[in-house]
Amino acid sequence: MVHRGIHVDVLHNSRHFENRTRSPGSSRLNNSNNINSKLSSDCFRNLGPVIKLCLLNIKGTSKDKCHYLSKLTLSHAIGVTTLQETHSTTKDQLFARGTIASYTLVSYICNSLYGSAAYVRNN
């Protein structure tokens, strides 16, 4: 269960990072006891355009799962989607089980037990 521990640590660290980087006007920072409330606006930087990633353990691809992923990724403006455990032994089998609409398959590893695939949004 190493993956679960990593997942919990990532969630904990992301919350910690999120709390440190909120804008000065945020409701969480209005507490005068919070050291972050004393930060000025010059402590925050605009990082520019952001790319959204979607990383999923799909536990075997299917047309229904790919159809759902198409809706999900387009509605959330996901730029790159990677899938683990595609369970496909060939590229043809991966395509036969479904594709993600408006995305291009850019990389894949075939394996009947594992496998992975990476998709990039077309526009």
PDB file of N, CA and C in Angstrom:
ATOM      1  N   MET A   1       0.809  -1.211   0.000  1.00  0.00           N
ATOM      2  CA  MET A   1       0.000   0.000   0.000  1.00  0.00           C
ATOM      3  C   MET A   1       0.847   1.269   0.000  1.00  0.00           C
ATOM      4  N   VAL A   2       1.975   1.215  -0.654  1.00  0.00           N
ATOM      5  CA  VAL A   2       2.851   2.380  -0.748  1.00  0.00           C
ATOM      6  C   VAL A   2       2.150   3.514  -1.461  1.00  0.00           C
ATOM      7  N   HIS A   3       1.386   3.204  -2.505  1.00  0.00           N
ATOM      8  CA  HIS A   3       0.731   4.249  -3.282  1.00  0.00           C
ATOM      9  C   HIS A   3      -0.243   5.055  -2.429  1.00  0.00           C
ATOM     10  N   ARG A   4      -0.939   4.371  -1.530  1.00  0.00           N
ATOM     11  CA  ARG A   4      -1.888   5.085  -0.684  1.00  0.00           C
ATOM     12  C   ARG A   4      -1.164   6.081   0.209  1.00  0.00           C
ATOM     13  N   GLY A   5      -0.035   5.691   0.778  1.00  0.00           N
ATOM     14  CA  GLY A   5       0.747   6.597   1.607  1.00  0.00           C
ATOM     15  C   GLY A   5       1.231   7.798   0.832  1.00  0.00           C
ATOM     16  N   ILE A   6       1.669   7.571  -0.389  1.00  0.00           N
ATOM     17  CA  ILE A   6       2.110   8.675  -1.233  1.00  0.00           C
ATOM     18  C   ILE A   6       0.938   9.600  -1.512  1.00  0.00           C
ATOM     19  N   HIS A   7      -0.216   9.025  -1.821  1.00  0.00           N
ATOM     20  CA  HIS A   7      -1.406   9.824  -2.111  1.00  0.00           C
ATOM     21  C   HIS A   7      -1.766  10.720  -0.924  1.00  0.00           C
ATOM     22  N   VAL A   8      -1.755  10.159   0.278  1.00  0.00           N
ATOM     23  CA  VAL A   8      -2.089  10.930   1.473  1.00  0.00           C
ATOM     24  C   VAL A   8      -1.080  12.041   1.679  1.00  0.00           C
ATOM     25  N   ASP A   9       0.224  11.744   1.504  1.00  0.00           N
ATOM     26  CA  ASP A   9       1.245  12.774   1.657  1.00  0.00           C
ATOM     27  C   ASP A   9       1.072  13.886   0.644  1.00  0.00           C
ATOM     28  N   VAL A  10       0.751  13.538  -0.590  1.00  0.00           N
ATOM     29  CA  VAL A  10       0.556  14.543  -1.624  1.00  0.00           C
ATOM     30  C   VAL A  10      -0.635  15.435  -1.267  1.00  0.00           C
ATOM     31  N   LEU A  11      -1.729  14.831  -0.834  1.00  0.00           N
ATOM     32  CA  LEU A  11      -2.889  15.633  -0.439  1.00  0.00           C
ATOM     33  C   LEU A  11      -2.545  16.550   0.719  1.00  0.00           C
ATOM     34  N   HIS A  12      -1.843  16.041   1.720  1.00  0.00           N
ATOM     35  CA  HIS A  12      -1.457  16.861   2.865  1.00  0.00           C
ATOM     36  C   HIS A  12      -0.582  18.019   2.422  1.00  0.00           C
ATOM     37  N   ASN A  13       0.427  17.730   1.606  1.00  0.00           N
ATOM     38  CA  ASN A  13       1.334  18.774   1.147  1.00  0.00           C
ATOM     39  C   ASN A  13       0.634  19.781   0.247  1.00  0.00           C
ATOM     40  N   SER A  14      -0.313  19.337  -0.572  1.00  0.00           N
ATOM     41  CA  SER A  14      -1.004  20.280  -1.447  1.00  0.00           C
ATOM     42  C   SER A  14      -1.882  21.216  -0.630  1.00  0.00           C
ATOM     43  N   ARG A  15      -2.509  20.720   0.432  1.00  0.00           N
ATOM     44  CA  ARG A  15      -3.307  21.601   1.302  1.00  0.00           C
ATOM     45  C   ARG A  15      -2.402  22.611   1.984  1.00  0.00           C
ATOM     46  N   HIS A  16      -1.232  22.150   2.440  1.00  0.00           N
ATOM     47  CA  HIS A  16      -0.291  23.047   3.094  1.00  0.00           C
ATOM     48  C   HIS A  16       0.162  24.121   2.117  1.00  0.00           C
ATOM     49  N   PHE A  17       0.482  23.732   0.898  1.00  0.00           N
ATOM     50  CA  PHE A  17       0.903  24.683  -0.120  1.00  0.00           C
ATOM     51  C   PHE A  17      -0.232  25.641  -0.452  1.00  0.00           C
ATOM     52  N   GLU A  18      -1.447  25.105  -0.589  1.00  0.00           N
ATOM     53  CA  GLU A  18      -2.606  25.930  -0.912  1.00  0.00           C
ATOM     54  C   GLU A  18      -2.825  26.986   0.156  1.00  0.00           C
ATOM     55  N   ASN A  19      -2.712  26.614   1.420  1.00  0.00           N
ATOM     56  CA  ASN A  19      -2.922  27.563   2.503  1.00  0.00           C
ATOM     57  C   ASN A  19      -1.870  28.651   2.506  1.00  0.00           C
ATOM     58  N   ARG A  20      -0.650  28.342   2.098  1.00  0.00           N
ATOM     59  CA  ARG A  20       0.417  29.332   2.085  1.00  0.00           C
ATOM     60  C   ARG A  20       0.290  30.284   0.918  1.00  0.00           C
ATOM     61  N   THR A  21      -0.357  29.878  -0.160  1.00  0.00           N
ATOM     62  CA  THR A  21      -0.325  30.686  -1.375  1.00  0.00           C
ATOM     63  C   THR A  21      -1.643  31.390  -1.679  1.00  0.00           C
ATOM     64  N   ARG A  22      -2.577  31.376  -0.774  1.00  0.00           N
ATOM     65  CA  ARG A  22      -3.837  32.078  -1.025  1.00  0.00           C
ATOM     66  C   ARG A  22      -3.593  33.582  -1.092  1.00  0.00           C
ATOM     67  N   SER A  23      -4.434  34.248  -1.838  1.00  0.00           N
ATOM     68  CA  SER A  23      -4.287  35.695  -1.959  1.00  0.00           C
ATOM     69  C   SER A  23      -4.618  36.364  -0.634  1.00  0.00           C
ATOM     70  N   PRO A  24      -4.064  37.562  -0.380  1.00  0.00           N
ATOM     71  CA  PRO A  24      -4.291  38.247   0.890  1.00  0.00           C
ATOM     72  C   PRO A  24      -5.766  38.525   1.183  1.00  0.00           C
ATOM     73  N   GLY A  25      -6.609  38.624   0.161  1.00  0.00           N
ATOM     74  CA  GLY A  25      -8.023  38.897   0.374  1.00  0.00           C
ATOM     75  C   GLY A  25      -8.844  37.659   0.669  1.00  0.00           C
ATOM     76  N   SER A  26      -8.234  36.489   0.659  1.00  0.00           N
ATOM     77  CA  SER A  26      -8.947  35.240   0.861  1.00  0.00           C
ATOM     78  C   SER A  26      -9.498  35.158   2.274  1.00  0.00           C
ATOM     79  N   SER A  27     -10.666  34.508   2.418  1.00  0.00           N
ATOM     80  CA  SER A  27     -11.309  34.409   3.727  1.00  0.00           C
ATOM     81  C   SER A  27     -10.481  33.613   4.722  1.00  0.00           C
ATOM     82  N   ARG A  28      -9.701  32.660   4.255  1.00  0.00           N
ATOM     83  CA  ARG A  28      -8.871  31.878   5.174  1.00  0.00           C
ATOM     84  C   ARG A  28      -7.759  32.721   5.776  1.00  0.00           C
ATOM     85  N   LEU A  29      -7.395  33.798   5.133  1.00  0.00           N
ATOM     86  CA  LEU A  29      -6.282  34.602   5.608  1.00  0.00           C
ATOM     87  C   LEU A  29      -6.737  35.830   6.384  1.00  0.00           C
ATOM     88  N   ASN A  30      -8.008  36.008   6.573  1.00  0.00           N
ATOM     89  CA  ASN A  30      -8.496  37.172   7.297  1.00  0.00           C
ATOM     90  C   ASN A  30      -8.265  37.059   8.796  1.00  0.00           C
ATOM     91  N   ASN A  31      -7.927  35.907   9.301  1.00  0.00           N
ATOM     92  CA  ASN A  31      -7.648  35.706  10.706  1.00  0.00           C
ATOM     93  C   ASN A  31      -6.355  36.427  11.054  1.00  0.00           C
ATOM     94  N   SER A  32      -6.382  37.360  11.995  1.00  0.00           N
ATOM     95  CA  SER A  32      -5.203  38.156  12.331  1.00  0.00           C
ATOM     96  C   SER A  32      -4.118  37.327  13.004  1.00  0.00           C
ATOM     97  N   ASN A  33      -4.470  36.145  13.545  1.00  0.00           N
ATOM     98  CA  ASN A  33      -3.477  35.280  14.165  1.00  0.00           C
ATOM     99  C   ASN A  33      -2.676  34.505  13.131  1.00  0.00           C
ATOM    100  N   ASN A  34      -3.112  34.507  11.896  1.00  0.00           N
ATOM    101  CA  ASN A  34      -2.452  33.759  10.841  1.00  0.00           C
ATOM    102  C   ASN A  34      -1.308  34.589  10.279  1.00  0.00           C
ATOM    103  N   ILE A  35      -0.109  34.026  10.279  1.00  0.00           N
ATOM    104  CA  ILE A  35       1.057  34.755   9.787  1.00  0.00           C
ATOM    105  C   ILE A  35       0.911  35.138   8.318  1.00  0.00           C
ATOM    106  N   ASN A  36       0.190  34.301   7.536  1.00  0.00           N
ATOM    107  CA  ASN A  36       0.003  34.594   6.119  1.00  0.00           C
ATOM    108  C   ASN A  36      -0.826  35.842   5.894  1.00  0.00           C
ATOM    109  N   SER A  37      -1.622  36.268   6.865  1.00  0.00           N
ATOM    110  CA  SER A  37      -2.461  37.448   6.679  1.00  0.00           C
ATOM    111  C   SER A  37      -1.624  38.710   6.580  1.00  0.00           C
ATOM    112  N   LYS A  38      -0.363  38.647   6.991  1.00  0.00           N
ATOM    113  CA  LYS A  38       0.506  39.821   6.960  1.00  0.00           C
ATOM    114  C   LYS A  38       1.290  39.935   5.665  1.00  0.00           C
ATOM    115  N   LEU A  39       1.109  38.961   4.761  1.00  0.00           N
ATOM    116  CA  LEU A  39       1.817  39.020   3.493  1.00  0.00           C
ATOM    117  C   LEU A  39       1.231  40.101   2.608  1.00  0.00           C
ATOM    118  N   SER A  40       2.090  40.798   1.906  1.00  0.00           N
ATOM    119  CA  SER A  40       1.616  41.818   0.977  1.00  0.00           C
ATOM    120  C   SER A  40       1.415  41.204  -0.396  1.00  0.00           C
ATOM    121  N   SER A  41       0.738  41.922  -1.270  1.00  0.00           N
ATOM    122  CA  SER A  41       0.435  41.391  -2.597  1.00  0.00           C
ATOM    123  C   SER A  41       1.688  41.160  -3.437  1.00  0.00           C
ATOM    124  N   ASP A  42       2.804  41.797  -3.116  1.00  0.00           N
ATOM    125  CA  ASP A  42       4.018  41.590  -3.905  1.00  0.00           C
ATOM    126  C   ASP A  42       4.667  40.229  -3.627  1.00  0.00           C
ATOM    127  N   CYS A  43       4.138  39.469  -2.653  1.00  0.00           N
ATOM    128  CA  CYS A  43       4.649  38.122  -2.382  1.00  0.00           C
ATOM    129  C   CYS A  43       4.073  37.092  -3.342  1.00  0.00           C
ATOM    130  N   PHE A  44       3.087  37.469  -4.121  1.00  0.00           N
ATOM    131  CA  PHE A  44       2.421  36.538  -5.013  1.00  0.00           C
ATOM    132  C   PHE A  44       2.795  36.856  -6.443  1.00  0.00           C
ATOM    133  N   ARG A  45       2.984  35.824  -7.248  1.00  0.00           N
ATOM    134  CA  ARG A  45       3.378  36.001  -8.635  1.00  0.00           C
ATOM    135  C   ARG A  45       2.362  35.365  -9.558  1.00  0.00           C
ATOM    136  N   ASN A  46       2.147  35.993 -10.687  1.00  0.00           N
ATOM    137  CA  ASN A  46       1.327  35.411 -11.729  1.00  0.00           C
ATOM    138  C   ASN A  46       2.213  34.463 -12.522  1.00  0.00           C
ATOM    139  N   LEU A  47       1.876  33.185 -12.514  1.00  0.00           N
ATOM    140  CA  LEU A  47       2.702  32.198 -13.192  1.00  0.00           C
ATOM    141  C   LEU A  47       2.389  32.069 -14.673  1.00  0.00           C
ATOM    142  N   GLY A  48       1.404  32.789 -15.151  1.00  0.00           N
ATOM    143  CA  GLY A  48       1.046  32.715 -16.554  1.00  0.00           C
ATOM    144  C   GLY A  48       0.112  31.560 -16.845  1.00  0.00           C
ATOM    145  N   PRO A  49       0.081  31.103 -18.085  1.00  0.00           N
ATOM    146  CA  PRO A  49      -0.817  30.014 -18.463  1.00  0.00           C
ATOM    147  C   PRO A  49      -0.548  28.744 -17.647  1.00  0.00           C
ATOM    148  N   VAL A  50      -1.597  28.028 -17.382  1.00  0.00           N
ATOM    149  CA  VAL A  50      -1.502  26.813 -16.579  1.00  0.00           C
ATOM    150  C   VAL A  50      -1.974  25.633 -17.417  1.00  0.00           C
ATOM    151  N   ILE A  51      -1.288  24.515 -17.299  1.00  0.00           N
ATOM    152  CA  ILE A  51      -1.716  23.292 -17.982  1.00  0.00           C
ATOM    153  C   ILE A  51      -2.350  22.378 -16.936  1.00  0.00           C
ATOM    154  N   LYS A  52      -3.487  21.824 -17.263  1.00  0.00           N
ATOM    155  CA  LYS A  52      -4.169  20.915 -16.353  1.00  0.00           C
ATOM    156  C   LYS A  52      -3.875  19.482 -16.768  1.00  0.00           C
ATOM    157  N   LEU A  53      -3.518  18.670 -15.779  1.00  0.00           N
ATOM    158  CA  LEU A  53      -3.196  17.271 -16.010  1.00  0.00           C
ATOM    159  C   LEU A  53      -4.236  16.376 -15.351  1.00  0.00           C
ATOM    160  N   CYS A  54      -4.503  15.264 -15.984  1.00  0.00           N
ATOM    161  CA  CYS A  54      -5.402  14.260 -15.429  1.00  0.00           C
ATOM    162  C   CYS A  54      -4.663  12.930 -15.454  1.00  0.00           C
ATOM    163  N   LEU A  55      -4.430  12.350 -14.289  1.00  0.00           N
ATOM    164  CA  LEU A  55      -3.709  11.087 -14.172  1.00  0.00           C
ATOM    165  C   LEU A  55      -4.659  10.077 -13.546  1.00  0.00           C
ATOM    166  N   LEU A  56      -4.984   9.024 -14.284  1.00  0.00           N
ATOM    167  CA  LEU A  56      -5.974   8.062 -13.802  1.00  0.00           C
ATOM    168  C   LEU A  56      -5.504   6.622 -13.927  1.00  0.00           C
ATOM    169  N   ASN A  57      -5.868   5.812 -12.954  1.00  0.00           N
ATOM    170  CA  ASN A  57      -5.734   4.371 -13.063  1.00  0.00           C
ATOM    171  C   ASN A  57      -7.080   3.889 -13.589  1.00  0.00           C
ATOM    172  N   ILE A  58      -7.123   3.547 -14.861  1.00  0.00           N
ATOM    173  CA  ILE A  58      -8.395   3.252 -15.519  1.00  0.00           C
ATOM    174  C   ILE A  58      -8.834   1.796 -15.343  1.00  0.00           C
ATOM    175  N   LYS A  59      -7.920   0.939 -14.899  1.00  0.00           N
ATOM    176  CA  LYS A  59      -8.212  -0.482 -14.666  1.00  0.00           C
ATOM    177  C   LYS A  59      -8.872  -1.136 -15.873  1.00  0.00           C
ATOM    178  N   GLY A  60      -8.275  -0.913 -17.027  1.00  0.00           N
ATOM    179  CA  GLY A  60      -8.785  -1.495 -18.277  1.00  0.00           C
ATOM    180  C   GLY A  60      -9.623  -0.492 -19.047  1.00  0.00           C
ATOM    181  N   THR A  61      -9.240  -0.256 -20.295  1.00  0.00           N
ATOM    182  CA  THR A  61     -10.001   0.691 -21.120  1.00  0.00           C
ATOM    183  C   THR A  61     -11.240   0.026 -21.700  1.00  0.00           C
ATOM    184  N   SER A  62     -12.248   0.845 -21.941  1.00  0.00           N
ATOM    185  CA  SER A  62     -13.476   0.402 -22.604  1.00  0.00           C
ATOM    186  C   SER A  62     -14.081   1.609 -23.298  1.00  0.00           C
ATOM    187  N   LYS A  63     -15.001   1.361 -24.215  1.00  0.00           N
ATOM    188  CA  LYS A  63     -15.649   2.471 -24.920  1.00  0.00           C
ATOM    189  C   LYS A  63     -16.428   3.359 -23.958  1.00  0.00           C
ATOM    190  N   ASP A  64     -17.093   2.750 -22.969  1.00  0.00           N
ATOM    191  CA  ASP A  64     -17.849   3.537 -21.995  1.00  0.00           C
ATOM    192  C   ASP A  64     -16.938   4.427 -21.150  1.00  0.00           C
ATOM    193  N   LYS A  65     -15.813   3.884 -20.713  1.00  0.00           N
ATOM    194  CA  LYS A  65     -14.872   4.667 -19.914  1.00  0.00           C
ATOM    195  C   LYS A  65     -14.288   5.809 -20.743  1.00  0.00           C
ATOM    196  N   CYS A  66     -13.962   5.534 -22.001  1.00  0.00           N
ATOM    197  CA  CYS A  66     -13.404   6.580 -22.870  1.00  0.00           C
ATOM    198  C   CYS A  66     -14.439   7.663 -23.164  1.00  0.00           C
ATOM    199  N   HIS A  67     -15.685   7.279 -23.333  1.00  0.00           N
ATOM    200  CA  HIS A  67     -16.752   8.254 -23.552  1.00  0.00           C
ATOM    201  C   HIS A  67     -16.902   9.162 -22.329  1.00  0.00           C
ATOM    202  N   TYR A  68     -16.881   8.570 -21.150  1.00  0.00           N
ATOM    203  CA  TYR A  68     -16.962   9.358 -19.916  1.00  0.00           C
ATOM    204  C   TYR A  68     -15.755  10.281 -19.784  1.00  0.00           C
ATOM    205  N   LEU A  69     -14.560   9.748 -20.069  1.00  0.00           N
ATOM    206  CA  LEU A  69     -13.345  10.565 -19.999  1.00  0.00           C
ATOM    207  C   LEU A  69     -13.397  11.732 -20.976  1.00  0.00           C
ATOM    208  N   SER A  70     -13.973  11.526 -22.146  1.00  0.00           N
ATOM    209  CA  SER A  70     -14.098  12.611 -23.125  1.00  0.00           C
ATOM    210  C   SER A  70     -14.895  13.767 -22.542  1.00  0.00           C
ATOM    211  N   LYS A  71     -16.027  13.444 -21.935  1.00  0.00           N
ATOM    212  CA  LYS A  71     -16.859  14.485 -21.313  1.00  0.00           C
ATOM    213  C   LYS A  71     -16.132  15.165 -20.160  1.00  0.00           C
ATOM    214  N   LEU A  72     -15.506  14.358 -19.310  1.00  0.00           N
ATOM    215  CA  LEU A  72     -14.827  14.872 -18.122  1.00  0.00           C
ATOM    216  C   LEU A  72     -13.665  15.783 -18.489  1.00  0.00           C
ATOM    217  N   THR A  73     -12.808  15.331 -19.383  1.00  0.00           N
ATOM    218  CA  THR A  73     -11.619  16.107 -19.732  1.00  0.00           C
ATOM    219  C   THR A  73     -11.959  17.386 -20.490  1.00  0.00           C
ATOM    220  N   LEU A  74     -12.950  17.337 -21.344  1.00  0.00           N
ATOM    221  CA  LEU A  74     -13.347  18.553 -22.070  1.00  0.00           C
ATOM    222  C   LEU A  74     -14.025  19.562 -21.151  1.00  0.00           C
ATOM    223  N   SER A  75     -14.859  19.079 -20.245  1.00  0.00           N
ATOM    224  CA  SER A  75     -15.569  20.006 -19.348  1.00  0.00           C
ATOM    225  C   SER A  75     -14.622  20.688 -18.360  1.00  0.00           C
ATOM    226  N   HIS A  76     -13.504  20.043 -18.036  1.00  0.00           N
ATOM    227  CA  HIS A  76     -12.538  20.631 -17.105  1.00  0.00           C
ATOM    228  C   HIS A  76     -11.318  21.206 -17.814  1.00  0.00           C
ATOM    229  N   ALA A  77     -11.357  21.264 -19.128  1.00  0.00           N
ATOM    230  CA  ALA A  77     -10.269  21.830 -19.941  1.00  0.00           C
ATOM    231  C   ALA A  77      -8.918  21.206 -19.600  1.00  0.00           C
ATOM    232  N   ILE A  78      -8.892  19.879 -19.548  1.00  0.00           N
ATOM    233  CA  ILE A  78      -7.662  19.147 -19.252  1.00  0.00           C
ATOM    234  C   ILE A  78      -6.767  19.168 -20.490  1.00  0.00           C
ATOM    235  N   GLY A  79      -5.491  19.507 -20.308  1.00  0.00           N
ATOM    236  CA  GLY A  79      -4.554  19.564 -21.422  1.00  0.00           C
ATOM    237  C   GLY A  79      -3.892  18.235 -21.730  1.00  0.00           C
ATOM    238  N   VAL A  80      -3.530  17.489 -20.685  1.00  0.00           N
ATOM    239  CA  VAL A  80      -2.847  16.214 -20.846  1.00  0.00           C
ATOM    240  C   VAL A  80      -3.524  15.183 -19.948  1.00  0.00           C
ATOM    241  N   THR A  81      -3.831  14.025 -20.516  1.00  0.00           N
ATOM    242  CA  THR A  81      -4.433  12.931 -19.756  1.00  0.00           C
ATOM    243  C   THR A  81      -3.540  11.709 -19.876  1.00  0.00           C
ATOM    244  N   THR A  82      -3.186  11.114 -18.749  1.00  0.00           N
ATOM    245  CA  THR A  82      -2.420   9.878 -18.776  1.00  0.00           C
ATOM    246  C   THR A  82      -3.225   8.798 -18.061  1.00  0.00           C
ATOM    247  N   LEU A  83      -3.187   7.613 -18.625  1.00  0.00           N
ATOM    248  CA  LEU A  83      -3.945   6.485 -18.088  1.00  0.00           C
ATOM    249  C   LEU A  83      -2.998   5.366 -17.705  1.00  0.00           C
ATOM    250  N   GLN A  84      -3.211   4.802 -16.536  1.00  0.00           N
ATOM    251  CA  GLN A  84      -2.468   3.638 -16.083  1.00  0.00           C
ATOM    252  C   GLN A  84      -3.364   2.415 -16.199  1.00  0.00           C
ATOM    253  N   GLU A  85      -2.754   1.257 -16.284  1.00  0.00           N
ATOM    254  CA  GLU A  85      -3.451  -0.024 -16.352  1.00  0.00           C
ATOM    255  C   GLU A  85      -4.502  -0.065 -17.464  1.00  0.00           C
ATOM    256  N   THR A  86      -4.038   0.224 -18.676  1.00  0.00           N
ATOM    257  CA  THR A  86      -4.935   0.155 -19.830  1.00  0.00           C
ATOM    258  C   THR A  86      -5.246  -1.289 -20.212  1.00  0.00           C
ATOM    259  N   HIS A  87      -4.407  -2.220 -19.804  1.00  0.00           N
ATOM    260  CA  HIS A  87      -4.590  -3.664 -20.061  1.00  0.00           C
ATOM    261  C   HIS A  87      -4.709  -3.968 -21.553  1.00  0.00           C
ATOM    262  N   SER A  88      -3.970  -3.239 -22.378  1.00  0.00           N
ATOM    263  CA  SER A  88      -3.973  -3.456 -23.830  1.00  0.00           C
ATOM    264  C   SER A  88      -2.645  -4.044 -24.261  1.00  0.00           C
ATOM    265  N   THR A  89      -2.702  -5.076 -25.102  1.00  0.00           N
ATOM    266  CA  THR A  89      -1.466  -5.727 -25.553  1.00  0.00           C
ATOM    267  C   THR A  89      -0.919  -5.151 -26.855  1.00  0.00           C
ATOM    268  N   THR A  90      -1.759  -4.417 -27.605  1.00  0.00           N
ATOM    269  CA  THR A  90      -1.310  -3.792 -28.855  1.00  0.00           C
ATOM    270  C   THR A  90      -1.955  -2.418 -28.994  1.00  0.00           C
ATOM    271  N   LYS A  91      -1.379  -1.614 -29.877  1.00  0.00           N
ATOM    272  CA  LYS A  91      -1.953  -0.295 -30.135  1.00  0.00           C
ATOM    273  C   LYS A  91      -3.347  -0.444 -30.749  1.00  0.00           C
ATOM    274  N   ASP A  92      -3.508  -1.421 -31.615  1.00  0.00           N
ATOM    275  CA  ASP A  92      -4.821  -1.658 -32.232  1.00  0.00           C
ATOM    276  C   ASP A  92      -5.866  -2.003 -31.187  1.00  0.00           C
ATOM    277  N   GLN A  93      -5.492  -2.804 -30.209  1.00  0.00           N
ATOM    278  CA  GLN A  93      -6.424  -3.163 -29.143  1.00  0.00           C
ATOM    279  C   GLN A  93      -6.779  -1.930 -28.305  1.00  0.00           C
ATOM    280  N   LEU A  94      -5.802  -1.063 -28.072  1.00  0.00           N
ATOM    281  CA  LEU A  94      -6.048   0.169 -27.326  1.00  0.00           C
ATOM    282  C   LEU A  94      -7.066   1.041 -28.059  1.00  0.00           C
ATOM    283  N   PHE A  95      -6.906   1.180 -29.385  1.00  0.00           N
ATOM    284  CA  PHE A  95      -7.853   1.976 -30.171  1.00  0.00           C
ATOM    285  C   PHE A  95      -9.213   1.293 -30.287  1.00  0.00           C
ATOM    286  N   ALA A  96      -9.220  -0.031 -30.378  1.00  0.00           N
ATOM    287  CA  ALA A  96     -10.493  -0.753 -30.501  1.00  0.00           C
ATOM    288  C   ALA A  96     -11.353  -0.606 -29.246  1.00  0.00           C
ATOM    289  N   ARG A  97     -10.710  -0.466 -28.111  1.00  0.00           N
ATOM    290  CA  ARG A  97     -11.448  -0.328 -26.852  1.00  0.00           C
ATOM    291  C   ARG A  97     -11.962   1.084 -26.627  1.00  0.00           C
ATOM    292  N   GLY A  98     -11.537   2.023 -27.446  1.00  0.00           N
ATOM    293  CA  GLY A  98     -12.043   3.394 -27.344  1.00  0.00           C
ATOM    294  C   GLY A  98     -10.930   4.417 -27.354  1.00  0.00           C
ATOM    295  N   THR A  99     -11.295   5.626 -27.730  1.00  0.00           N
ATOM    296  CA  THR A  99     -10.372   6.754 -27.721  1.00  0.00           C
ATOM    297  C   THR A  99     -11.034   7.912 -26.993  1.00  0.00           C
ATOM    298  N   ILE A 100     -10.248   8.876 -26.601  1.00  0.00           N
ATOM    299  CA  ILE A 100     -10.776  10.062 -25.933  1.00  0.00           C
ATOM    300  C   ILE A 100     -10.973  11.130 -27.000  1.00  0.00           C
ATOM    301  N   ALA A 101     -12.217  11.517 -27.214  1.00  0.00           N
ATOM    302  CA  ALA A 101     -12.546  12.506 -28.257  1.00  0.00           C
ATOM    303  C   ALA A 101     -11.804  13.820 -28.005  1.00  0.00           C
ATOM    304  N   SER A 102     -11.342  14.449 -29.076  1.00  0.00           N
ATOM    305  CA  SER A 102     -10.611  15.724 -29.058  1.00  0.00           C
ATOM    306  C   SER A 102      -9.216  15.606 -28.455  1.00  0.00           C
ATOM    307  N   TYR A 103      -8.716  14.395 -28.293  1.00  0.00           N
ATOM    308  CA  TYR A 103      -7.371  14.164 -27.769  1.00  0.00           C
ATOM    309  C   TYR A 103      -6.613  13.239 -28.713  1.00  0.00           C
ATOM    310  N   THR A 104      -5.294  13.420 -28.761  1.00  0.00           N
ATOM    311  CA  THR A 104      -4.427  12.599 -29.594  1.00  0.00           C
ATOM    312  C   THR A 104      -3.563  11.715 -28.703  1.00  0.00           C
ATOM    313  N   LEU A 105      -3.504  10.447 -29.024  1.00  0.00           N
ATOM    314  CA  LEU A 105      -2.628   9.523 -28.316  1.00  0.00           C
ATOM    315  C   LEU A 105      -1.193   9.838 -28.724  1.00  0.00           C
ATOM    316  N   VAL A 106      -0.350  10.220 -27.767  1.00  0.00           N
ATOM    317  CA  VAL A 106       1.025  10.601 -28.091  1.00  0.00           C
ATOM    318  C   VAL A 106       2.049   9.569 -27.622  1.00  0.00           C
ATOM    319  N   SER A 107       1.665   8.735 -26.664  1.00  0.00           N
ATOM    320  CA  SER A 107       2.583   7.727 -26.173  1.00  0.00           C
ATOM    321  C   SER A 107       1.800   6.602 -25.510  1.00  0.00           C
ATOM    322  N   TYR A 108       2.325   5.396 -25.585  1.00  0.00           N
ATOM    323  CA  TYR A 108       1.649   4.273 -24.947  1.00  0.00           C
ATOM    324  C   TYR A 108       2.651   3.161 -24.679  1.00  0.00           C
ATOM    325  N   ILE A 109       2.350   2.352 -23.690  1.00  0.00           N
ATOM    326  CA  ILE A 109       3.103   1.144 -23.378  1.00  0.00           C
ATOM    327  C   ILE A 109       2.081   0.022 -23.278  1.00  0.00           C
ATOM    328  N   CYS A 110       2.261  -1.013 -24.069  1.00  0.00           N
ATOM    329  CA  CYS A 110       1.309  -2.122 -24.076  1.00  0.00           C
ATOM    330  C   CYS A 110       1.739  -3.212 -23.107  1.00  0.00           C
ATOM    331  N   ASN A 111       0.767  -3.710 -22.353  1.00  0.00           N
ATOM    332  CA  ASN A 111       0.990  -4.811 -21.435  1.00  0.00           C
ATOM    333  C   ASN A 111      -0.378  -5.330 -21.016  1.00  0.00           C
ATOM    334  N   SER A 112      -0.547  -6.650 -21.005  1.00  0.00           N
ATOM    335  CA  SER A 112      -1.861  -7.216 -20.694  1.00  0.00           C
ATOM    336  C   SER A 112      -2.273  -6.991 -19.240  1.00  0.00           C
ATOM    337  N   LEU A 113      -1.312  -6.827 -18.335  1.00  0.00           N
ATOM    338  CA  LEU A 113      -1.642  -6.581 -16.930  1.00  0.00           C
ATOM    339  C   LEU A 113      -1.549  -5.116 -16.539  1.00  0.00           C
ATOM    340  N   TYR A 114      -0.690  -4.371 -17.209  1.00  0.00           N
ATOM    341  CA  TYR A 114      -0.459  -2.983 -16.829  1.00  0.00           C
ATOM    342  C   TYR A 114      -0.797  -2.080 -18.018  1.00  0.00           C
ATOM    343  N   GLY A 115       0.188  -1.532 -18.626  1.00  0.00           N
ATOM    344  CA  GLY A 115       0.003  -0.666 -19.786  1.00  0.00           C
ATOM    345  C   GLY A 115      -0.308   0.754 -19.377  1.00  0.00           C
ATOM    346  N   SER A 116       0.047   1.678 -20.241  1.00  0.00           N
ATOM    347  CA  SER A 116      -0.242   3.091 -19.991  1.00  0.00           C
ATOM    348  C   SER A 116      -0.415   3.809 -21.325  1.00  0.00           C
ATOM    349  N   ALA A 117      -1.050   4.958 -21.251  1.00  0.00           N
ATOM    350  CA  ALA A 117      -1.277   5.770 -22.447  1.00  0.00           C
ATOM    351  C   ALA A 117      -1.292   7.242 -22.064  1.00  0.00           C
ATOM    352  N   ALA A 118      -0.787   8.085 -22.946  1.00  0.00           N
ATOM    353  CA  ALA A 118      -0.768   9.531 -22.716  1.00  0.00           C
ATOM    354  C   ALA A 118      -1.470  10.217 -23.892  1.00  0.00           C
ATOM    355  N   TYR A 119      -2.388  11.108 -23.575  1.00  0.00           N
ATOM    356  CA  TYR A 119      -3.171  11.841 -24.563  1.00  0.00           C
ATOM    357  C   TYR A 119      -2.958  13.339 -24.359  1.00  0.00           C
ATOM    358  N   VAL A 120      -2.929  14.083 -25.471  1.00  0.00           N
ATOM    359  CA  VAL A 120      -2.807  15.531 -25.431  1.00  0.00           C
ATOM    360  C   VAL A 120      -3.996  16.132 -26.172  1.00  0.00           C
ATOM    361  N   ARG A 121      -4.538  17.199 -25.621  1.00  0.00           N
ATOM    362  CA  ARG A 121      -5.696  17.863 -26.224  1.00  0.00           C
ATOM    363  C   ARG A 121      -5.323  18.443 -27.588  1.00  0.00           C
ATOM    364  N   ASN A 122      -6.229  18.353 -28.555  1.00  0.00           N
ATOM    365  CA  ASN A 122      -5.942  18.772 -29.928  1.00  0.00           C
ATOM    366  C   ASN A 122      -5.809  20.274 -30.111  1.00  0.00           C
ATOM    367  N   ASN A 123      -6.561  21.074 -29.415  1.00  0.00           N
ATOM    368  CA  ASN A 123      -6.514  22.521 -29.666  1.00  0.00           C
ATOM    369  C   ASN A 123      -5.651  23.265 -28.718  1.00  0.00           C
TER     370      ASN A 123
END
